[in-house]
PDB file of N, CA and C in Angstrom:
ATOM      1  N   MET A   1      -0.401 -35.393 -33.841  1.00  0.00           N
ATOM      2  CA  MET A   1       0.366 -34.917 -32.756  1.00  0.00           C
ATOM      3  C   MET A   1      -0.529 -34.035 -32.419  1.00  0.00           C
ATOM      4  N   GLY A   2      -0.236 -33.607 -31.009  1.00  0.00           N
ATOM      5  CA  GLY A   2      -0.891 -32.977 -30.160  1.00  0.00           C
ATOM      6  C   GLY A   2      -0.445 -31.472 -30.158  1.00  0.00           C
ATOM      7  N   GLU A   3      -1.052 -30.333 -30.092  1.00  0.00           N
ATOM      8  CA  GLU A   3       0.086 -29.088 -29.872  1.00  0.00           C
ATOM      9  C   GLU A   3       0.685 -29.281 -28.312  1.00  0.00           C
ATOM     10  N   PHE A   4       1.552 -29.206 -28.104  1.00  0.00           N
ATOM     11  CA  PHE A   4       2.237 -28.753 -26.888  1.00  0.00           C
ATOM     12  C   PHE A   4       2.329 -27.216 -26.289  1.00  0.00           C
ATOM     13  N   HIS A   5       2.326 -27.288 -24.961  1.00  0.00           N
ATOM     14  CA  HIS A   5       1.807 -25.550 -24.394  1.00  0.00           C
ATOM     15  C   HIS A   5       3.121 -25.685 -23.534  1.00  0.00           C
ATOM     16  N   LEU A   6       3.959 -24.918 -23.337  1.00  0.00           N
ATOM     17  CA  LEU A   6       5.226 -24.970 -22.693  1.00  0.00           C
ATOM     18  C   LEU A   6       4.217 -24.838 -20.955  1.00  0.00           C
ATOM     19  N   TYR A   7       3.126 -24.549 -20.847  1.00  0.00           N
ATOM     20  CA  TYR A   7       2.686 -24.807 -18.947  1.00  0.00           C
ATOM     21  C   TYR A   7       1.962 -25.822 -18.887  1.00  0.00           C
ATOM     22  N   ASP A   8       1.915 -26.613 -19.989  1.00  0.00           N
ATOM     23  CA  ASP A   8       0.751 -28.060 -19.635  1.00  0.00           C
ATOM     24  C   ASP A   8       1.624 -28.630 -18.422  1.00  0.00           C
ATOM     25  N   LYS A   9       2.708 -28.940 -18.403  1.00  0.00           N
ATOM     26  CA  LYS A   9       3.332 -29.455 -17.324  1.00  0.00           C
ATOM     27  C   LYS A   9       3.565 -29.230 -15.999  1.00  0.00           C
ATOM     28  N   LEU A  10       2.893 -28.026 -15.946  1.00  0.00           N
ATOM     29  CA  LEU A  10       3.176 -27.233 -14.288  1.00  0.00           C
ATOM     30  C   LEU A  10       1.740 -27.272 -13.749  1.00  0.00           C
ATOM     31  N   PRO A  11       1.751 -27.414 -12.111  1.00  0.00           N
ATOM     32  CA  PRO A  11       0.743 -27.434 -11.326  1.00  0.00           C
ATOM     33  C   PRO A  11      -0.128 -26.817 -12.120  1.00  0.00           C
ATOM     34  N   ARG A  12      -1.805 -26.428 -11.640  1.00  0.00           N
ATOM     35  CA  ARG A  12      -2.459 -25.221 -12.040  1.00  0.00           C
ATOM     36  C   ARG A  12      -2.746 -25.112 -10.555  1.00  0.00           C
ATOM     37  N   GLU A  13      -2.476 -23.779 -10.226  1.00  0.00           N
ATOM     38  CA  GLU A  13      -2.635 -23.171  -8.667  1.00  0.00           C
ATOM     39  C   GLU A  13      -3.565 -22.190  -9.355  1.00  0.00           C
ATOM     40  N   GLN A  14      -4.545 -21.768  -8.274  1.00  0.00           N
ATOM     41  CA  GLN A  14      -4.784 -19.965  -8.478  1.00  0.00           C
ATOM     42  C   GLN A  14      -3.797 -19.395  -7.593  1.00  0.00           C
ATOM     43  N   ILE A  15      -3.699 -17.887  -8.038  1.00  0.00           N
ATOM     44  CA  ILE A  15      -3.100 -17.194  -7.641  1.00  0.00           C
ATOM     45  C   ILE A  15      -3.599 -16.034  -7.656  1.00  0.00           C
ATOM     46  N   ILE A  16      -3.717 -14.749  -5.980  1.00  0.00           N
ATOM     47  CA  ILE A  16      -4.483 -14.043  -6.155  1.00  0.00           C
ATOM     48  C   ILE A  16      -3.537 -12.461  -5.752  1.00  0.00           C
ATOM     49  N   CYS A  17      -3.344 -11.679  -6.582  1.00  0.00           N
ATOM     50  CA  CYS A  17      -2.557 -10.855  -6.532  1.00  0.00           C
ATOM     51  C   CYS A  17      -3.254  -9.467  -5.909  1.00  0.00           C
ATOM     52  N   VAL A  18      -2.414  -8.872  -4.676  1.00  0.00           N
ATOM     53  CA  VAL A  18      -2.882  -7.962  -4.238  1.00  0.00           C
ATOM     54  C   VAL A  18      -2.256  -6.573  -4.047  1.00  0.00           C
ATOM     55  N   ASP A  19      -2.698  -5.441  -4.507  1.00  0.00           N
ATOM     56  CA  ASP A  19      -1.953  -4.604  -4.485  1.00  0.00           C
ATOM     57  C   ASP A  19      -1.654  -3.758  -3.164  1.00  0.00           C
ATOM     58  N   MET A  20      -0.786  -3.630  -2.850  1.00  0.00           N
ATOM     59  CA  MET A  20      -0.249  -3.503  -1.054  1.00  0.00           C
ATOM     60  C   MET A  20      -0.309  -1.650  -0.936  1.00  0.00           C
ATOM     61  N   ASN A  21       0.322  -1.448  -2.468  1.00  0.00           N
ATOM     62  CA  ASN A  21       0.398   0.330  -2.261  1.00  0.00           C
ATOM     63  C   ASN A  21      -1.224   0.971  -1.143  1.00  0.00           C
ATOM     64  N   SER A  22      -0.806   1.589  -0.351  1.00  0.00           N
ATOM     65  CA  SER A  22      -1.055   2.487   0.727  1.00  0.00           C
ATOM     66  C   SER A  22      -2.079   1.423   1.426  1.00  0.00           C
ATOM     67  N   TYR A  23      -2.479   0.185   1.484  1.00  0.00           N
ATOM     68  CA  TYR A  23      -2.989  -0.619   2.510  1.00  0.00           C
ATOM     69  C   TYR A  23      -3.339  -0.272   3.826  1.00  0.00           C
ATOM     70  N   TYR A  24      -2.264   0.110   4.748  1.00  0.00           N
ATOM     71  CA  TYR A  24      -2.497   0.561   5.667  1.00  0.00           C
ATOM     72  C   TYR A  24      -3.346   1.463   5.705  1.00  0.00           C
ATOM     73  N   VAL A  25      -3.062   2.956   5.072  1.00  0.00           N
ATOM     74  CA  VAL A  25      -4.017   3.958   4.776  1.00  0.00           C
ATOM     75  C   VAL A  25      -5.303   3.063   4.638  1.00  0.00           C
ATOM     76  N   SER A  26      -5.708   2.642   3.583  1.00  0.00           N
ATOM     77  CA  SER A  26      -6.900   2.416   3.394  1.00  0.00           C
ATOM     78  C   SER A  26      -7.497   1.916   4.617  1.00  0.00           C
ATOM     79  N   CYS A  27      -7.155   0.881   5.011  1.00  0.00           N
ATOM     80  CA  CYS A  27      -7.816   0.552   6.530  1.00  0.00           C
ATOM     81  C   CYS A  27      -7.878   1.775   7.822  1.00  0.00           C
ATOM     82  N   MET A  28      -7.116   2.241   7.830  1.00  0.00           N
ATOM     83  CA  MET A  28      -7.310   3.568   8.952  1.00  0.00           C
ATOM     84  C   MET A  28      -8.339   4.339   8.445  1.00  0.00           C
ATOM     85  N   ALA A  29      -8.318   4.665   6.865  1.00  0.00           N
ATOM     86  CA  ALA A  29      -9.760   5.390   6.460  1.00  0.00           C
ATOM     87  C   ALA A  29     -10.852   4.719   6.459  1.00  0.00           C
ATOM     88  N   LEU A  30     -11.043   3.384   6.508  1.00  0.00           N
ATOM     89  CA  LEU A  30     -12.463   2.444   7.016  1.00  0.00           C
ATOM     90  C   LEU A  30     -12.522   2.932   8.354  1.00  0.00           C
ATOM     91  N   LEU A  31     -11.677   2.702   9.165  1.00  0.00           N
ATOM     92  CA  LEU A  31     -11.912   2.931  10.501  1.00  0.00           C
ATOM     93  C   LEU A  31     -12.450   4.031  11.229  1.00  0.00           C
ATOM     94  N   GLU A  32     -12.194   4.944  10.325  1.00  0.00           N
ATOM     95  CA  GLU A  32     -12.004   6.444  10.501  1.00  0.00           C
ATOM     96  C   GLU A  32     -13.128   7.478   9.875  1.00  0.00           C
ATOM     97  N   ASN A  33     -13.551   6.461   8.890  1.00  0.00           N
ATOM     98  CA  ASN A  33     -14.801   6.618   7.937  1.00  0.00           C
ATOM     99  C   ASN A  33     -14.131   8.127   7.055  1.00  0.00           C
ATOM    100  N   LEU A  34     -13.338   7.953   6.647  1.00  0.00           N
ATOM    101  CA  LEU A  34     -12.563   9.183   5.801  1.00  0.00           C
ATOM    102  C   LEU A  34     -12.184   8.506   4.245  1.00  0.00           C
ATOM    103  N   ASP A  35     -12.421   9.502   3.422  1.00  0.00           N
ATOM    104  CA  ASP A  35     -12.440   9.279   2.001  1.00  0.00           C
ATOM    105  C   ASP A  35     -10.872   9.228   1.459  1.00  0.00           C
ATOM    106  N   VAL A  36     -10.427   8.189   1.351  1.00  0.00           N
ATOM    107  CA  VAL A  36      -8.846   7.695   1.157  1.00  0.00           C
ATOM    108  C   VAL A  36      -8.355   8.289  -0.631  1.00  0.00           C
ATOM    109  N   ASN A  37      -9.303   8.652  -1.183  1.00  0.00           N
ATOM    110  CA  ASN A  37      -8.898   9.156  -2.250  1.00  0.00           C
ATOM    111  C   ASN A  37      -8.693  10.619  -2.445  1.00  0.00           C
ATOM    112  N   THR A  38      -9.408  11.093  -1.354  1.00  0.00           N
ATOM    113  CA  THR A  38      -9.487  12.820  -1.178  1.00  0.00           C
ATOM    114  C   THR A  38      -8.610  13.254   0.149  1.00  0.00           C
ATOM    115  N   VAL A  39      -8.513  12.777   1.114  1.00  0.00           N
ATOM    116  CA  VAL A  39      -7.836  13.019   2.623  1.00  0.00           C
ATOM    117  C   VAL A  39      -6.716  12.805   2.496  1.00  0.00           C
ATOM    118  N   PRO A  40      -5.805  13.558   2.828  1.00  0.00           N
ATOM    119  CA  PRO A  40      -4.504  12.968   2.763  1.00  0.00           C
ATOM    120  C   PRO A  40      -4.293  12.248   4.222  1.00  0.00           C
ATOM    121  N   MET A  41      -3.650  11.396   3.821  1.00  0.00           N
ATOM    122  CA  MET A  41      -3.088  10.352   5.137  1.00  0.00           C
ATOM    123  C   MET A  41      -2.304   9.589   4.871  1.00  0.00           C
ATOM    124  N   ALA A  42      -1.110   9.273   6.235  1.00  0.00           N
ATOM    125  CA  ALA A  42       0.059   8.297   6.136  1.00  0.00           C
ATOM    126  C   ALA A  42      -0.339   7.490   7.727  1.00  0.00           C
ATOM    127  N   VAL A  43       0.075   6.774   7.439  1.00  0.00           N
ATOM    128  CA  VAL A  43       0.309   5.672   8.813  1.00  0.00           C
ATOM    129  C   VAL A  43       1.920   5.655   8.958  1.00  0.00           C
ATOM    130  N   VAL A  44       1.800   6.392  10.483  1.00  0.00           N
ATOM    131  CA  VAL A  44       3.368   6.558  11.257  1.00  0.00           C
ATOM    132  C   VAL A  44       3.417   5.604  12.342  1.00  0.00           C
ATOM    133  N   GLY A  45       5.104   5.188  12.086  1.00  0.00           N
ATOM    134  CA  GLY A  45       5.199   4.138  13.314  1.00  0.00           C
ATOM    135  C   GLY A  45       5.288   5.008  14.590  1.00  0.00           C
ATOM    136  N   SER A  46       5.453   6.062  14.904  1.00  0.00           N
ATOM    137  CA  SER A  46       5.071   6.447  16.175  1.00  0.00           C
ATOM    138  C   SER A  46       5.133   7.976  16.374  1.00  0.00           C
ATOM    139  N   LEU A  47       4.162   8.722  16.422  1.00  0.00           N
ATOM    140  CA  LEU A  47       4.585  10.219  16.160  1.00  0.00           C
ATOM    141  C   LEU A  47       4.905  11.332  17.500  1.00  0.00           C
ATOM    142  N   LYS A  48       4.943   9.895  18.869  1.00  0.00           N
ATOM    143  CA  LYS A  48       5.939  10.611  19.626  1.00  0.00           C
ATOM    144  C   LYS A  48       7.142  10.528  19.879  1.00  0.00           C
ATOM    145  N   ARG A  49       7.948   9.860  18.588  1.00  0.00           N
ATOM    146  CA  ARG A  49       9.307   9.854  18.473  1.00  0.00           C
ATOM    147  C   ARG A  49       9.912  10.398  17.598  1.00  0.00           C
ATOM    148  N   PRO A  50      10.984  11.702  17.446  1.00  0.00           N
ATOM    149  CA  PRO A  50      11.623  12.370  16.251  1.00  0.00           C
ATOM    150  C   PRO A  50      12.111  10.996  15.506  1.00  0.00           C
ATOM    151  N   GLY A  51      11.863  11.026  14.182  1.00  0.00           N
ATOM    152  CA  GLY A  51      13.109   9.792  13.430  1.00  0.00           C
ATOM    153  C   GLY A  51      11.974   8.520  13.108  1.00  0.00           C
ATOM    154  N   ALA A  52      10.477   8.755  13.361  1.00  0.00           N
ATOM    155  CA  ALA A  52       9.450   7.742  12.970  1.00  0.00           C
ATOM    156  C   ALA A  52       9.194   7.664  11.669  1.00  0.00           C
ATOM    157  N   VAL A  53       9.078   6.703  10.991  1.00  0.00           N
ATOM    158  CA  VAL A  53       8.997   6.273   9.867  1.00  0.00           C
ATOM    159  C   VAL A  53       7.620   6.375   9.341  1.00  0.00           C
ATOM    160  N   VAL A  54       7.483   6.662   7.864  1.00  0.00           N
ATOM    161  CA  VAL A  54       6.180   6.462   7.437  1.00  0.00           C
ATOM    162  C   VAL A  54       5.722   5.031   7.119  1.00  0.00           C
ATOM    163  N   LEU A  55       4.932   4.485   7.270  1.00  0.00           N
ATOM    164  CA  LEU A  55       4.562   3.539   7.353  1.00  0.00           C
ATOM    165  C   LEU A  55       3.835   3.105   5.306  1.00  0.00           C
ATOM    166  N   SER A  56       3.069   4.168   5.375  1.00  0.00           N
ATOM    167  CA  SER A  56       2.242   4.069   4.328  1.00  0.00           C
ATOM    168  C   SER A  56       1.469   5.473   3.921  1.00  0.00           C
ATOM    169  N   ALA A  57       1.337   5.722   2.706  1.00  0.00           N
ATOM    170  CA  ALA A  57       0.892   6.903   2.821  1.00  0.00           C
ATOM    171  C   ALA A  57      -0.186   7.323   1.446  1.00  0.00           C
ATOM    172  N   ASN A  58      -1.171   7.785   1.091  1.00  0.00           N
ATOM    173  CA  ASN A  58      -2.113   7.507   0.028  1.00  0.00           C
ATOM    174  C   ASN A  58      -1.424   8.610  -0.906  1.00  0.00           C
ATOM    175  N   ARG A  59      -2.385   8.682  -2.092  1.00  0.00           N
ATOM    176  CA  ARG A  59      -1.807   9.620  -3.128  1.00  0.00           C
ATOM    177  C   ARG A  59      -2.028  11.180  -2.668  1.00  0.00           C
ATOM    178  N   PRO A  60      -3.231  11.606  -2.114  1.00  0.00           N
ATOM    179  CA  PRO A  60      -3.425  12.922  -1.749  1.00  0.00           C
ATOM    180  C   PRO A  60      -2.240  13.304  -0.640  1.00  0.00           C
ATOM    181  N   MET A  61      -1.701  12.592   0.101  1.00  0.00           N
ATOM    182  CA  MET A  61      -0.446  12.858   0.921  1.00  0.00           C
ATOM    183  C   MET A  61       0.645  12.842   0.303  1.00  0.00           C
ATOM    184  N   LYS A  62       0.920  12.121  -1.071  1.00  0.00           N
ATOM    185  CA  LYS A  62       2.361  12.135  -1.359  1.00  0.00           C
ATOM    186  C   LYS A  62       2.548  13.421  -2.566  1.00  0.00           C
ATOM    187  N   GLU A  63       1.286  13.484  -2.948  1.00  0.00           N
ATOM    188  CA  GLU A  63       1.310  15.027  -4.255  1.00  0.00           C
ATOM    189  C   GLU A  63       1.107  15.882  -3.388  1.00  0.00           C
ATOM    190  N   ARG A  64       0.456  16.464  -2.504  1.00  0.00           N
ATOM    191  CA  ARG A  64      -0.058  17.518  -1.618  1.00  0.00           C
ATOM    192  C   ARG A  64       1.847  17.701  -0.836  1.00  0.00           C
ATOM    193  N   PHE A  65       2.090  16.974  -0.262  1.00  0.00           N
ATOM    194  CA  PHE A  65       2.679  17.251   1.055  1.00  0.00           C
ATOM    195  C   PHE A  65       4.366  16.779   0.720  1.00  0.00           C
ATOM    196  N   LYS A  66       4.349  16.124  -0.352  1.00  0.00           N
ATOM    197  CA  LYS A  66       5.421  15.497  -0.844  1.00  0.00           C
ATOM    198  C   LYS A  66       5.884  14.585   0.037  1.00  0.00           C
ATOM    199  N   VAL A  67       4.771  13.554   0.938  1.00  0.00           N
ATOM    200  CA  VAL A  67       5.328  12.608   1.797  1.00  0.00           C
ATOM    201  C   VAL A  67       5.863  11.104   0.817  1.00  0.00           C
ATOM    202  N   ARG A  68       6.747  10.463   1.300  1.00  0.00           N
ATOM    203  CA  ARG A  68       6.939   8.990   0.679  1.00  0.00           C
ATOM    204  C   ARG A  68       6.949   8.079   1.792  1.00  0.00           C
ATOM    205  N   THR A  69       6.386   6.901   1.807  1.00  0.00           N
ATOM    206  CA  THR A  69       6.814   5.665   2.372  1.00  0.00           C
ATOM    207  C   THR A  69       8.477   5.373   2.693  1.00  0.00           C
ATOM    208  N   ARG A  70       8.732   5.646   3.759  1.00  0.00           N
ATOM    209  CA  ARG A  70      10.046   5.045   4.116  1.00  0.00           C
ATOM    210  C   ARG A  70      10.509   6.640   4.632  1.00  0.00           C
ATOM    211  N   HIS A  71      10.042   7.754   4.528  1.00  0.00           N
ATOM    212  CA  HIS A  71      10.395   8.946   4.671  1.00  0.00           C
ATOM    213  C   HIS A  71      10.538   9.104   6.490  1.00  0.00           C
ATOM    214  N   THR A  72      11.178   9.952   7.066  1.00  0.00           N
ATOM    215  CA  THR A  72      11.045   9.829   8.505  1.00  0.00           C
ATOM    216  C   THR A  72      10.417  11.295   8.808  1.00  0.00           C
ATOM    217  N   LEU A  73      10.073  11.082   9.995  1.00  0.00           N
ATOM    218  CA  LEU A  73       9.402  12.813  10.703  1.00  0.00           C
ATOM    219  C   LEU A  73      10.273  13.251  11.407  1.00  0.00           C
ATOM    220  N   LEU A  74      10.786  14.509  11.062  1.00  0.00           N
ATOM    221  CA  LEU A  74      11.591  15.039  12.504  1.00  0.00           C
ATOM    222  C   LEU A  74      11.334  15.575  13.515  1.00  0.00           C
TER     223      LEU A  74
END
C-alpha cells in the first residue's frame, strides 16, 4: 500500500501572499521618490477635515511619532 497524505485529495492551487503592511505608504514613496525605510510617512483620508483617519503608516512614522493605522487626526 502506498503512503497516504492528508492533502493528496485537495485541489492543487498556487496561492500568493502579499504583506499589505504599509502598502499605501510604499506606493506614495515610489511616486514621491522617498525612502520608505527612513522617511516617516502616513497616508491619511483627508488633511482638510478634523477626525480624518490614518489609512497607512510606515515603521519610521510609527516609531518616531507613535502614529498607528486607524488613528484620527485632531
